[in-house]
Amino acid sequence: MDSNENEIRSEINNRKLARAYVALAYARDVASSYIAETPAHAQLHPLLTVLDITNGLLEELLEHSMPPNLPAESESEACSDLVM
């Protein structure tokens, strides 16, 4: 496998990690809203803790997998890359 193929695979993996990060953040928001709606759902707070821990781990992976000194992008350009 040549270096160009490695770069392409790395970029694809980075985008997948970014999508997973966004999906996890959305899942956490939905779970948080669900728990806040009904006091009976308070027993689900450990779920939020697990989602927060997973979020932190994914964030760390993203930080280490992204190449340093990325060119600045506008927020809309960066978000459009994450659309599935």
C-alpha atoms as a PDB file:
ATOM      1  CA  MET A   1       0.000   0.000   0.000  1.00  0.00           C
ATOM      2  CA  ASP A   2       1.519   3.348  -0.985  1.00  0.00           C
ATOM      3  CA  SER A   3       1.505   6.514   1.114  1.00  0.00           C
ATOM      4  CA  ASN A   4      -1.318   8.067  -0.925  1.00  0.00           C
ATOM      5  CA  GLU A   5      -3.601   5.113  -0.118  1.00  0.00           C
ATOM      6  CA  ASN A   6      -2.632   5.386   3.549  1.00  0.00           C
ATOM      7  CA  GLU A   7      -3.515   9.081   3.558  1.00  0.00           C
ATOM      8  CA  ILE A   8      -6.890   8.391   1.950  1.00  0.00           C
ATOM      9  CA  ARG A   9      -7.673   5.625   4.455  1.00  0.00           C
ATOM     10  CA  SER A  10      -6.595   7.871   7.307  1.00  0.00           C
ATOM     11  CA  GLU A  11      -8.855  10.679   6.096  1.00  0.00           C
ATOM     12  CA  ILE A  12     -11.787   8.280   5.757  1.00  0.00           C
ATOM     13  CA  ASN A  13     -11.184   6.963   9.268  1.00  0.00           C
ATOM     14  CA  ASN A  14     -10.968  10.510  10.637  1.00  0.00           C
ATOM     15  CA  ARG A  15     -14.302  11.366   9.046  1.00  0.00           C
ATOM     16  CA  LYS A  16     -15.860   8.212  10.506  1.00  0.00           C
ATOM     17  CA  LEU A  17     -14.528   9.157  13.937  1.00  0.00           C
ATOM     18  CA  ALA A  18     -15.938  12.660  13.544  1.00  0.00           C
ATOM     19  CA  ARG A  19     -19.354  11.264  12.561  1.00  0.00           C
ATOM     20  CA  ALA A  20     -19.302   8.905  15.540  1.00  0.00           C
ATOM     21  CA  TYR A  21     -18.445  11.852  17.797  1.00  0.00           C
ATOM     22  CA  VAL A  22     -21.363  13.888  16.466  1.00  0.00           C
ATOM     23  CA  ALA A  23     -23.756  10.912  16.742  1.00  0.00           C
ATOM     24  CA  LEU A  24     -22.662  10.308  20.315  1.00  0.00           C
ATOM     25  CA  ALA A  25     -23.173  13.966  21.226  1.00  0.00           C
ATOM     26  CA  TYR A  26     -26.661  13.807  19.727  1.00  0.00           C
ATOM     27  CA  ALA A  27     -27.446  10.591  21.625  1.00  0.00           C
ATOM     28  CA  ARG A  28     -26.311  12.228  24.844  1.00  0.00           C
ATOM     29  CA  ASP A  29     -28.538  15.257  24.231  1.00  0.00           C
ATOM     30  CA  VAL A  30     -31.538  13.034  23.493  1.00  0.00           C
ATOM     31  CA  ALA A  31     -30.911  10.907  26.590  1.00  0.00           C
ATOM     32  CA  SER A  32     -30.453  14.004  28.727  1.00  0.00           C
ATOM     33  CA  SER A  33     -33.739  15.477  27.494  1.00  0.00           C
ATOM     34  CA  TYR A  34     -35.513  12.169  28.061  1.00  0.00           C
ATOM     35  CA  ILE A  35     -34.232  11.995  31.640  1.00  0.00           C
ATOM     36  CA  ALA A  36     -35.135  15.633  32.321  1.00  0.00           C
ATOM     37  CA  GLU A  37     -38.712  15.158  31.044  1.00  0.00           C
ATOM     38  CA  THR A  38     -39.767  12.622  33.638  1.00  0.00           C
ATOM     39  CA  PRO A  39     -38.369  12.208  37.150  1.00  0.00           C
ATOM     40  CA  ALA A  40     -38.995   8.460  36.867  1.00  0.00           C
ATOM     41  CA  HIS A  41     -36.222   8.324  34.279  1.00  0.00           C
ATOM     42  CA  ALA A  42     -33.641   9.592  36.778  1.00  0.00           C
ATOM     43  CA  GLN A  43     -32.365   6.037  37.117  1.00  0.00           C
ATOM     44  CA  LEU A  44     -30.822   6.512  33.671  1.00  0.00           C
ATOM     45  CA  HIS A  45     -28.204   9.010  34.941  1.00  0.00           C
ATOM     46  CA  PRO A  46     -25.481   6.331  34.765  1.00  0.00           C
ATOM     47  CA  LEU A  47     -26.184   6.200  31.029  1.00  0.00           C
ATOM     48  CA  LEU A  48     -25.251   9.888  30.766  1.00  0.00           C
ATOM     49  CA  THR A  49     -22.048   9.174  32.666  1.00  0.00           C
ATOM     50  CA  VAL A  50     -21.116   6.408  30.241  1.00  0.00           C
ATOM     51  CA  LEU A  51     -21.922   8.652  27.270  1.00  0.00           C
ATOM     52  CA  ASP A  52     -19.747  11.415  28.745  1.00  0.00           C
ATOM     53  CA  ILE A  53     -16.828   9.025  29.258  1.00  0.00           C
ATOM     54  CA  THR A  54     -17.185   7.656  25.730  1.00  0.00           C
ATOM     55  CA  ASN A  55     -17.393  11.202  24.400  1.00  0.00           C
ATOM     56  CA  GLY A  56     -14.124  12.073  26.118  1.00  0.00           C
ATOM     57  CA  LEU A  57     -12.383   9.012  24.692  1.00  0.00           C
ATOM     58  CA  LEU A  58     -13.623   9.726  21.172  1.00  0.00           C
ATOM     59  CA  GLU A  59     -12.569  13.351  21.490  1.00  0.00           C
ATOM     60  CA  GLU A  60      -9.076  12.251  22.510  1.00  0.00           C
ATOM     61  CA  LEU A  61      -8.884   9.887  19.524  1.00  0.00           C
ATOM     62  CA  LEU A  62      -9.973  12.670  17.183  1.00  0.00           C
ATOM     63  CA  GLU A  63      -7.407  15.084  18.575  1.00  0.00           C
ATOM     64  CA  HIS A  64      -4.610  12.552  18.069  1.00  0.00           C
ATOM     65  CA  SER A  65      -5.743  11.394  14.636  1.00  0.00           C
ATOM     66  CA  MET A  66      -6.121  14.792  13.000  1.00  0.00           C
ATOM     67  CA  PRO A  67      -3.031  16.127  11.289  1.00  0.00           C
ATOM     68  CA  PRO A  68      -1.450  19.168  12.961  1.00  0.00           C
ATOM     69  CA  ASN A  69      -1.790  22.619  11.449  1.00  0.00           C
ATOM     70  CA  LEU A  70      -4.985  22.020   9.547  1.00  0.00           C
ATOM     71  CA  PRO A  71      -5.960  24.940   7.315  1.00  0.00           C
ATOM     72  CA  ALA A  72      -8.719  27.052   8.813  1.00  0.00           C
ATOM     73  CA  GLU A  73     -12.166  26.225   7.488  1.00  0.00           C
ATOM     74  CA  SER A  74     -15.379  28.043   7.990  1.00  0.00           C
ATOM     75  CA  GLU A  75     -17.804  26.289  10.324  1.00  0.00           C
ATOM     76  CA  SER A  76     -20.238  25.539   7.501  1.00  0.00           C
ATOM     77  CA  GLU A  77     -17.513  23.887   5.428  1.00  0.00           C
ATOM     78  CA  ALA A  78     -16.406  21.739   8.366  1.00  0.00           C
ATOM     79  CA  CYS A  79     -19.986  20.681   9.133  1.00  0.00           C
ATOM     80  CA  SER A  80     -20.786  19.859   5.519  1.00  0.00           C
ATOM     81  CA  ASP A  81     -18.000  17.267   5.569  1.00  0.00           C
ATOM     82  CA  LEU A  82     -19.784  15.422   8.377  1.00  0.00           C
ATOM     83  CA  VAL A  83     -23.095  14.991   6.566  1.00  0.00           C
ATOM     84  CA  MET A  84     -23.777  11.328   5.895  1.00  0.00           C
END
